[in-house]
Structures are given as C-alpha cells and as structure tokens.
Protein backbone atom coordinates (compact mmCIF):
# COMPACT_ATOMS: atom_id res chain seq x y z
CA UNK A 1 98.80 -134.90 59.01
CA UNK A 2 99.43 -133.37 55.63
CA UNK A 3 95.74 -134.60 54.44
CA UNK A 4 94.28 -132.61 57.24
CA UNK A 5 93.71 -128.92 57.53
CA UNK A 6 95.64 -127.20 60.12
CA UNK A 7 92.93 -125.55 62.62
CA UNK A 8 94.22 -122.53 64.56
CA UNK A 9 92.70 -121.88 68.11
CA UNK A 10 93.37 -118.31 69.46
CA UNK A 11 92.97 -117.36 72.96
CA UNK A 12 93.10 -113.89 74.43
CA UNK A 13 94.40 -113.63 77.90
CA UNK A 14 94.65 -111.05 80.98
CA UNK A 15 95.25 -112.18 84.29
CA UNK A 16 93.45 -115.43 83.24
CA UNK A 17 95.38 -117.86 85.61
CA UNK A 18 92.16 -119.19 87.34
CA UNK A 19 90.65 -120.76 83.98
CA UNK A 20 93.42 -120.78 81.42
CA UNK A 21 94.96 -124.09 82.38
CA UNK A 22 91.67 -125.91 82.02
CA UNK A 23 90.95 -124.28 78.89
CA UNK A 24 94.23 -125.27 77.54
CA UNK A 25 93.79 -128.76 78.49
CA UNK A 26 90.15 -129.19 76.53
CA UNK A 27 92.14 -128.02 73.26
CA UNK A 28 94.81 -130.69 74.06
CA UNK A 29 92.31 -133.33 74.38
CA UNK A 30 90.55 -132.60 71.21
CA UNK A 31 90.23 -136.06 69.11
CA UNK A 32 91.41 -133.73 65.87
CA UNK A 33 95.21 -133.96 65.48
CA UNK A 34 96.17 -130.97 63.42
CA UNK A 35 95.79 -128.04 65.69
CA UNK A 36 97.97 -125.10 66.40
CA UNK A 37 97.29 -122.93 69.76
CA UNK A 38 97.89 -119.32 69.86
CA UNK A 39 97.57 -117.59 73.36
CA UNK A 40 97.41 -113.43 72.97
CA UNK A 41 98.42 -112.10 76.28
CA UNK A 42 97.80 -108.53 77.24
CA UNK A 43 100.54 -108.14 79.60
CA UNK A 44 98.97 -110.39 82.55
CA UNK A 45 100.57 -110.00 85.83
CA UNK A 46 99.38 -113.06 87.38
CA UNK A 47 100.37 -116.66 86.75
CA UNK A 48 98.73 -116.89 83.30
CA UNK A 49 102.01 -116.96 80.95
CA UNK A 50 103.54 -119.64 83.32
CA UNK A 51 100.73 -121.88 83.32
CA UNK A 52 100.34 -121.37 79.47
CA UNK A 53 104.20 -122.17 78.74
CA UNK A 54 103.30 -125.82 80.36
CA UNK A 55 101.21 -126.57 77.12
CA UNK A 56 102.27 -126.78 73.52
CA UNK A 57 101.37 -123.26 72.71
CA UNK A 58 102.75 -120.13 71.07
CA UNK A 59 102.42 -117.07 73.31
CA UNK A 60 102.33 -113.95 71.82
CA UNK A 61 102.07 -110.01 73.47
CA UNK A 62 99.90 -107.38 72.70
CA UNK A 63 99.41 -103.89 74.26
CA UNK A 64 95.75 -103.83 72.72
CA UNK A 65 92.45 -104.95 74.15
CA UNK A 66 90.20 -107.70 73.55
CA UNK A 67 89.17 -107.25 69.90
CA UNK A 68 92.80 -105.91 68.93
CA UNK A 69 94.00 -109.30 70.68
CA UNK A 70 91.76 -111.63 68.62
CA UNK A 71 92.92 -109.71 65.28
CA UNK A 72 96.61 -110.45 66.65
CA UNK A 73 95.89 -114.20 67.10
CA UNK A 74 94.53 -114.30 63.38
CA UNK A 75 97.64 -112.47 61.92
CA UNK A 76 99.99 -114.83 63.96
CA UNK A 77 97.95 -118.05 62.90
CA UNK A 78 98.28 -120.22 60.04
CA UNK A 79 95.07 -122.28 59.88
CA UNK A 80 92.64 -122.61 57.36
CA UNK A 81 89.97 -122.36 59.94
CA UNK A 82 90.11 -120.20 63.07
CA UNK A 83 88.45 -120.73 66.37
CA UNK A 84 88.10 -117.65 68.36
CA UNK A 85 88.06 -118.98 72.00
CA UNK A 86 88.13 -117.41 75.35
CA UNK A 87 90.14 -118.31 78.24
CA UNK A 88 87.06 -119.07 80.33
CA UNK A 89 85.84 -121.76 77.95
CA UNK A 90 86.07 -125.52 78.15
CA UNK A 91 85.71 -127.31 74.74
CA UNK A 92 83.79 -130.67 74.23
CA UNK A 93 86.52 -133.25 72.99
CA UNK A 94 84.95 -133.82 69.68
CA UNK A 95 84.36 -129.96 68.71
CA UNK A 96 87.00 -129.64 66.05
CA UNK A 97 86.42 -132.75 64.40
CA UNK A 98 82.62 -132.38 64.17
CA UNK A 99 83.17 -128.77 63.31
CA UNK A 100 85.28 -129.67 60.16
CA UNK A 101 82.32 -131.94 59.06
CA UNK A 102 80.06 -128.98 59.20
CA UNK A 103 82.13 -126.62 57.48
CA UNK A 104 81.45 -128.65 54.31
CA UNK A 105 78.03 -126.86 54.26
CA UNK A 106 78.85 -123.48 56.33
CA UNK A 107 81.27 -120.65 56.26
CA UNK A 108 80.84 -119.68 59.94
CA UNK A 109 79.69 -121.60 63.14
CA UNK A 110 78.28 -120.69 66.30
CA UNK A 111 78.90 -123.11 69.20
CA UNK A 112 76.11 -124.32 71.63
CA UNK A 113 77.19 -123.08 75.17
CA UNK A 114 76.25 -124.13 78.45
CA UNK A 115 77.31 -122.93 81.87
CA UNK A 116 80.11 -125.18 83.50
CA UNK A 117 78.82 -126.97 86.55
CA UNK A 118 76.40 -124.17 87.41
CA UNK A 119 76.55 -124.36 91.55
CA UNK A 120 75.40 -120.64 92.52
CA UNK A 121 72.25 -118.78 91.50
CA UNK A 122 74.02 -116.62 89.28
CA UNK A 123 75.52 -119.35 87.30
CA UNK A 124 72.07 -121.07 87.13
CA UNK A 125 70.75 -117.83 85.54
CA UNK A 126 73.40 -117.87 83.14
CA UNK A 127 72.57 -121.44 82.18
CA UNK A 128 68.95 -120.73 81.88
CA UNK A 129 69.70 -117.72 79.70
CA UNK A 130 71.75 -119.91 77.39
CA UNK A 131 69.28 -122.42 77.15
CA UNK A 132 66.83 -119.86 76.14
CA UNK A 133 69.05 -118.49 73.37
CA UNK A 134 69.60 -121.76 71.94
CA UNK A 135 65.90 -122.89 71.87
CA UNK A 136 65.31 -119.72 69.96
CA UNK A 137 68.30 -120.28 67.90
CA UNK A 138 66.53 -119.58 64.53
CA UNK A 139 66.11 -116.06 65.74
CA UNK A 140 69.21 -115.35 67.35
CA UNK A 141 71.46 -116.45 64.45
CA UNK A 142 70.90 -112.79 62.77
CA UNK A 143 73.19 -110.87 64.34
CA UNK A 144 70.91 -107.51 63.89
CA UNK A 145 68.36 -109.24 65.69
CA UNK A 146 69.74 -112.14 67.97
CA UNK A 147 72.29 -112.64 70.48
CA UNK A 148 74.19 -115.87 69.37
CA UNK A 149 77.97 -115.41 68.60
CA UNK A 150 80.06 -117.25 66.23
CA UNK A 151 83.38 -118.45 67.12
CA UNK A 152 84.55 -120.74 64.44
CA UNK A 153 85.47 -119.33 61.04
CA UNK A 154 86.68 -120.41 57.75
CA UNK A 155 89.89 -118.23 57.26
CA UNK A 156 88.83 -116.30 54.27
CA UNK A 157 85.59 -115.07 56.01
CA UNK A 158 87.21 -114.03 59.34
CA UNK A 159 89.88 -112.07 57.20
CA UNK A 160 87.64 -110.44 55.13
CA UNK A 161 85.38 -109.49 58.21
CA UNK A 162 88.50 -108.09 60.17
CA UNK A 163 89.16 -106.05 57.06
CA UNK A 164 86.11 -104.33 57.41
CA UNK A 165 86.46 -103.45 60.89
CA UNK A 166 87.70 -99.84 61.53
CA UNK A 167 91.39 -99.99 62.67
CA UNK A 168 90.85 -97.23 65.04
CA UNK A 169 88.44 -99.10 67.33
CA UNK A 170 91.00 -102.30 67.33
CA UNK A 171 92.85 -101.02 70.70
CA UNK A 172 89.93 -100.09 72.86
CA UNK A 173 87.26 -102.72 72.24
CA UNK A 174 86.55 -105.00 75.11
CA UNK A 175 82.61 -105.73 75.16
CA UNK A 176 80.85 -106.48 71.86
CA UNK A 177 84.15 -107.93 70.31
CA UNK A 178 82.63 -110.85 69.39
CA UNK A 179 79.35 -109.50 68.10
CA UNK A 180 81.27 -106.72 65.94
CA UNK A 181 83.41 -109.63 64.43
CA UNK A 182 80.21 -111.69 63.52
CA UNK A 183 78.49 -108.72 62.38
CA UNK A 184 80.88 -108.07 59.60
CA UNK A 185 81.40 -111.81 58.75
CA UNK A 186 77.38 -112.27 58.31
CA UNK A 187 77.68 -109.60 55.69
CA UNK A 188 80.02 -111.82 54.07
CA UNK A 189 78.40 -114.99 54.29
CA UNK A 190 74.80 -115.95 55.88
CA UNK A 191 76.05 -119.57 55.50
CA UNK A 192 76.02 -120.09 59.24
CA UNK A 193 75.17 -122.99 61.52
CA UNK A 194 75.20 -124.05 65.27
CA UNK A 195 77.40 -127.09 66.33
CA UNK A 196 75.69 -128.83 69.19
CA UNK A 197 77.02 -129.63 72.68
CA UNK A 198 80.24 -127.73 71.85
CA UNK A 199 81.42 -125.60 74.79
CA UNK A 200 81.08 -124.77 78.62
CA UNK A 201 81.42 -121.11 80.04
CA UNK A 202 83.04 -120.82 83.54
CA UNK A 203 80.63 -117.94 84.75
CA UNK A 204 81.17 -115.73 87.68
CA UNK A 205 80.00 -117.20 90.69
CA UNK A 206 78.97 -114.11 92.78
CA UNK A 207 77.09 -111.09 92.03
CA UNK A 208 79.94 -109.11 92.98
CA UNK A 209 82.01 -110.50 89.96
CA UNK A 210 79.12 -110.31 87.73
CA UNK A 211 79.27 -106.71 88.47
CA UNK A 212 82.75 -106.01 88.11
CA UNK A 213 82.86 -107.70 84.81
CA UNK A 214 79.81 -105.93 83.35
CA UNK A 215 81.00 -102.26 85.02
CA UNK A 216 84.34 -102.74 82.73
CA UNK A 217 82.17 -103.59 79.68
CA UNK A 218 79.86 -100.48 80.17
CA UNK A 219 83.09 -98.26 80.88
CA UNK A 220 84.80 -99.60 77.66
CA UNK A 221 81.64 -99.28 75.44
CA UNK A 222 81.40 -95.71 76.06
CA UNK A 223 85.01 -95.17 74.65
CA UNK A 224 83.46 -97.31 71.84
CA UNK A 225 80.72 -95.13 71.53
CA UNK A 226 82.75 -91.89 71.43
CA UNK A 227 84.58 -93.11 67.89
CA UNK A 228 80.97 -92.98 66.20
CA UNK A 229 81.37 -96.54 64.89
CA UNK A 230 78.63 -99.16 65.16
CA UNK A 231 76.11 -96.83 67.04
CA UNK A 232 72.85 -98.45 65.64
CA UNK A 233 74.14 -101.87 66.08
CA UNK A 234 75.34 -101.14 69.66
CA UNK A 235 71.72 -100.05 70.72
CA UNK A 236 70.43 -103.57 69.60
CA UNK A 237 73.04 -105.46 72.06
CA UNK A 238 71.53 -103.87 75.15
CA UNK A 239 68.25 -105.27 75.29
CA UNK A 240 66.17 -108.45 76.71
CA UNK A 241 66.39 -111.50 74.12
CA UNK A 242 64.09 -111.35 71.46
CA UNK A 243 61.16 -114.12 72.25
CA UNK A 244 62.25 -114.46 76.00
CA UNK A 245 58.38 -114.22 76.97
CA UNK A 246 57.51 -116.91 74.58
CA UNK A 247 55.09 -119.37 76.80
CA UNK A 248 57.04 -122.60 75.95
CA UNK A 249 60.52 -120.78 77.09
CA UNK A 250 58.74 -118.68 79.84
CA UNK A 251 60.96 -120.32 82.74
CA UNK A 252 64.23 -119.50 80.96
CA UNK A 253 62.91 -116.20 79.91
CA UNK A 254 62.18 -114.90 83.48
CA UNK A 255 65.59 -115.95 84.68
CA UNK A 256 67.05 -114.37 81.50
CA UNK A 257 65.38 -110.93 82.33
CA UNK A 258 66.69 -111.33 85.65
CA UNK A 259 70.40 -111.97 84.82
CA UNK A 260 70.29 -109.15 82.10
CA UNK A 261 68.68 -106.84 84.44
CA UNK A 262 71.63 -107.52 87.20
CA UNK A 263 74.35 -107.26 84.38
CA UNK A 264 72.38 -104.14 83.01
CA UNK A 265 72.70 -102.21 86.02
CA UNK A 266 76.57 -102.80 86.42
CA UNK A 267 76.93 -102.10 82.72
CA UNK A 268 75.11 -98.82 82.91
CA UNK A 269 77.14 -97.61 86.13
CA UNK A 270 80.25 -98.37 84.01
CA UNK A 271 78.85 -96.27 80.77
CA UNK A 272 78.06 -93.54 82.83
CA UNK A 273 81.10 -93.13 84.94
CA UNK A 274 83.95 -90.59 84.42
C-alpha cells in the first residue's frame, strides 16, 4: 500500500453505543485499503468504547466537546487526507476511493447525505431537507450563504483551518462545529466539490429525541456566543434554507420549514435556558 496515500477517518464519540458499531462497519468495508481510524471518545459511560475495541481502530480520550475532539483527532492522525465522520453516519463502500479521484481537482469535499432508512415522519422530514439542500448545492456550497458542510479535506487545508480557529472555543463548541471548520477552510481554498451518494445519517426517530438534541445545541451555542467569536456567522446559521420556496423544490421546502421550526423551538429553549 506504499503507493496509496493514507486516509485518516476521525470519529468523535460520546455515549454512541447505538450507532458506533454500524458506523465503524461502514468504514471497515471501504474498497480503499489504506485507512486509519481514530475514535476520539469524550468519556462515554455506556458501551461505546467496548464496541469500538472490536474494530481495528485507535481510541483516544478527551475532556473537550465536539470541536476539540475533532482537533484532537486531527493531531493524532497521520493521513494525507482526513475525513471528519460522525458516529451516527454510514459510509457508502466506495466513498474513500471516489473521493481520492475527486481530490485531483478539489481540496475540500462535501458528502451528499441522505437519511438512513427513514421510517418515522421526523426522519422523512430530515430526508426532504437533505434532498432540498443537495438540489440547491450551487447555493449552499458557500458557507456564508448555505448549509452544506464539508467533511473530507486535504490535510494541509484542514490544518490551516484549525490554526485559524480561536483555541478558547475548542473545549466548548458542540453545535456548528462542522460549520466553523468549513468556514475557515473555505477561506483557505474555494476548490470545493460534492461527492454524490456518499453517506447515510441515522436520524432521531421521535420528536423528543429531536428536541433533546437541539436543546443541547442551543445551550452550548450560548456558551460560544459569550466568547464573542463568529457572531455574524452564527446568525446566518439559524435561518430557513435559502431557496426553500423555489417552486421546483416546494415539496421539499415545506418539509424543511417544518423540520427547522421544530428544531428551532428546542434550540431557542436551550439557548435561553439558565
């Protein structure tokens, strides 16, 4: 494998026992052979670590939250390319191989995402929202205007992006972690592409799960706002999708509006909580 560049897949976890096994299986089944996997665990108290230990991965521990965990994963990795994967995502088996072909033209890649086997009405709303965003990818690739998030980077671009992120916010950021990383990476290079048919997201199945997750996002965003960093940028991240009411995508757009309204209620409750 000496002639094949090393790809690092970093996965932050915290009480991720429900999804981490399926996620790691999808990485294990990649057709590209030269991959290292680093699980960055924030002191899970469930079976996350025990499940991860059944795979060929390196497990490191951090006291920091999501953004800090991603930075630690980068520092622990050695790959020429770095994929920032979430523990509730499933990779299509040729993603890494196809991404390396695209990196001949691009420095940063967004992955086309879909909801994994959507069954409940909440999960179907997520799928509609994802379809809307990818149908309008030309608008949403700009991190200031859109909501597409990059996940796969050439190492140099990602390192430069992290160097620009204030170190004070590393331990506290949960929500908007990908958005901040992509924002800084986009300032380094606008050579951004979208890899089609790439990843499935294991979405919340019930409204209560959706609210708990977004309540936490709102609460942690308040901590970030207090630091004074990324103020104008964050304001652009709490609004409805640009182009959502375009007639060609109206069905998806209406579902997106409903989903974001439901998420927004919990997010604002978390933000204004003590």
